[in-house]
C-alpha atoms as a PDB file:
ATOM      1  CA  MET A   1      23.883  19.045 -64.089  1.00  0.00           C
ATOM      2  CA  ASN A   2      22.419  18.528 -60.658  1.00  0.00           C
ATOM      3  CA  VAL A   3      24.551  18.856 -57.562  1.00  0.00           C
ATOM      4  CA  LYS A   4      23.507  17.660 -54.134  1.00  0.00           C
ATOM      5  CA  THR A   5      25.220  18.741 -50.969  1.00  0.00           C
ATOM      6  CA  ARG A   6      24.487  18.870 -47.285  1.00  0.00           C
ATOM      7  CA  ILE A   7      25.042  21.957 -45.181  1.00  0.00           C
ATOM      8  CA  GLU A   8      24.248  22.795 -41.600  1.00  0.00           C
ATOM      9  CA  PRO A   9      20.671  23.992 -41.016  1.00  0.00           C
ATOM     10  CA  GLU A  10      21.914  27.366 -39.739  1.00  0.00           C
ATOM     11  CA  ILE A  11      23.939  27.995 -42.910  1.00  0.00           C
ATOM     12  CA  HIS A  12      21.035  26.863 -45.088  1.00  0.00           C
ATOM     13  CA  ALA A  13      18.670  29.265 -43.325  1.00  0.00           C
ATOM     14  CA  ALA A  14      21.151  32.142 -43.602  1.00  0.00           C
ATOM     15  CA  ALA A  15      21.712  31.440 -47.313  1.00  0.00           C
ATOM     16  CA  LYS A  16      17.946  31.433 -47.955  1.00  0.00           C
ATOM     17  CA  ILE A  17      17.652  34.792 -46.198  1.00  0.00           C
ATOM     18  CA  ALA A  18      20.571  36.221 -48.200  1.00  0.00           C
ATOM     19  CA  ALA A  19      19.025  34.958 -51.453  1.00  0.00           C
ATOM     20  CA  ALA A  20      15.675  36.502 -50.563  1.00  0.00           C
ATOM     21  CA  LYS A  21      17.353  39.839 -49.799  1.00  0.00           C
ATOM     22  CA  GLU A  22      18.903  39.747 -53.277  1.00  0.00           C
ATOM     23  CA  GLY A  23      15.565  38.771 -54.797  1.00  0.00           C
ATOM     24  CA  VAL A  24      16.812  35.501 -56.252  1.00  0.00           C
ATOM     25  CA  SER A  25      16.250  31.815 -55.615  1.00  0.00           C
ATOM     26  CA  LEU A  26      18.581  29.889 -53.352  1.00  0.00           C
ATOM     27  CA  THR A  27      19.841  28.015 -56.414  1.00  0.00           C
ATOM     28  CA  GLU A  28      20.667  31.263 -58.211  1.00  0.00           C
ATOM     29  CA  TYR A  29      22.314  32.691 -55.101  1.00  0.00           C
ATOM     30  CA  LEU A  30      24.572  29.640 -54.781  1.00  0.00           C
ATOM     31  CA  ARG A  31      25.323  29.655 -58.526  1.00  0.00           C
ATOM     32  CA  ARG A  32      26.443  33.278 -58.253  1.00  0.00           C
ATOM     33  CA  LEU A  33      28.647  32.494 -55.261  1.00  0.00           C
ATOM     34  CA  VAL A  34      30.387  29.696 -57.152  1.00  0.00           C
ATOM     35  CA  GLN A  35      30.756  31.864 -60.267  1.00  0.00           C
ATOM     36  CA  SER A  36      32.197  34.727 -58.217  1.00  0.00           C
ATOM     37  CA  ASP A  37      34.682  32.421 -56.506  1.00  0.00           C
ATOM     38  CA  LEU A  38      35.813  30.927 -59.811  1.00  0.00           C
ATOM     39  CA  GLU A  39      36.261  34.388 -61.322  1.00  0.00           C
ATOM     40  CA  ALA A  40      38.287  35.485 -58.282  1.00  0.00           C
ATOM     41  CA  ARG A  41      40.548  32.475 -58.856  1.00  0.00           C
ATOM     42  CA  ASN A  42      40.850  33.408 -62.556  1.00  0.00           C
ATOM     43  CA  LEU A  43      38.976  30.280 -63.652  1.00  0.00           C
ATOM     44  CA  THR A  44      36.976  31.861 -66.442  1.00  0.00           C
ATOM     45  CA  ASN A  45      34.197  30.584 -68.673  1.00  0.00           C
ATOM     46  CA  ALA A  46      36.838  29.953 -71.338  1.00  0.00           C
ATOM     47  CA  THR A  47      38.451  27.413 -69.021  1.00  0.00           C
ATOM     48  CA  ALA A  48      35.097  25.761 -68.361  1.00  0.00           C
ATOM     49  CA  SER A  49      34.234  25.725 -72.061  1.00  0.00           C
ATOM     50  CA  ARG A  50      37.566  24.122 -72.884  1.00  0.00           C
ATOM     51  CA  SER A  51      36.968  21.344 -70.359  1.00  0.00           C
ATOM     52  CA  ASN A  52      33.455  20.727 -71.729  1.00  0.00           C
ATOM     53  CA  ARG A  53      34.609  20.392 -75.347  1.00  0.00           C
ATOM     54  CA  GLY A  54      33.423  17.077 -76.680  1.00  0.00           C
ATOM     55  CA  ASN A  55      31.019  16.587 -73.789  1.00  0.00           C
ATOM     56  CA  ARG A  56      27.564  16.466 -75.349  1.00  0.00           C
ATOM     57  CA  ASN A  57      25.974  16.478 -71.899  1.00  0.00           C
ATOM     58  CA  ALA A  58      27.666  19.711 -70.781  1.00  0.00           C
ATOM     59  CA  THR A  59      25.159  22.438 -70.068  1.00  0.00           C
ATOM     60  CA  SER A  60      25.369  25.993 -68.866  1.00  0.00           C
ATOM     61  CA  PHE A  61      23.395  27.501 -66.034  1.00  0.00           C
ATOM     62  CA  SER A  62      20.912  30.308 -66.422  1.00  0.00           C
ATOM     63  CA  ASP A  63      18.874  32.588 -64.203  1.00  0.00           C
ATOM     64  CA  SER A  64      15.841  30.397 -64.916  1.00  0.00           C
ATOM     65  CA  ASP A  65      17.204  27.359 -63.067  1.00  0.00           C
ATOM     66  CA  SER A  66      14.560  26.136 -60.662  1.00  0.00           C
ATOM     67  CA  ASP A  67      15.101  26.243 -56.949  1.00  0.00           C
ATOM     68  CA  ARG A  68      15.810  22.570 -56.286  1.00  0.00           C
ATOM     69  CA  ILE A  69      17.678  23.090 -53.039  1.00  0.00           C
ATOM     70  CA  ARG A  70      15.449  22.865 -50.009  1.00  0.00           C
END
């Protein structure tokens, strides 16, 4: 799945710096933020898997996702 969003240039720059400090791509950094937020809200992978049941197009994310956010 591809997701497009617009953020302020200052936030984008800060996120790129934070990702670089962690040694990951911006895409991976944002994926981890979303995952962390969902876990904090007790929305686990089991919940996501349940909602994807029967969806042949459902995919999972991995650390090898390319950095498509620029």
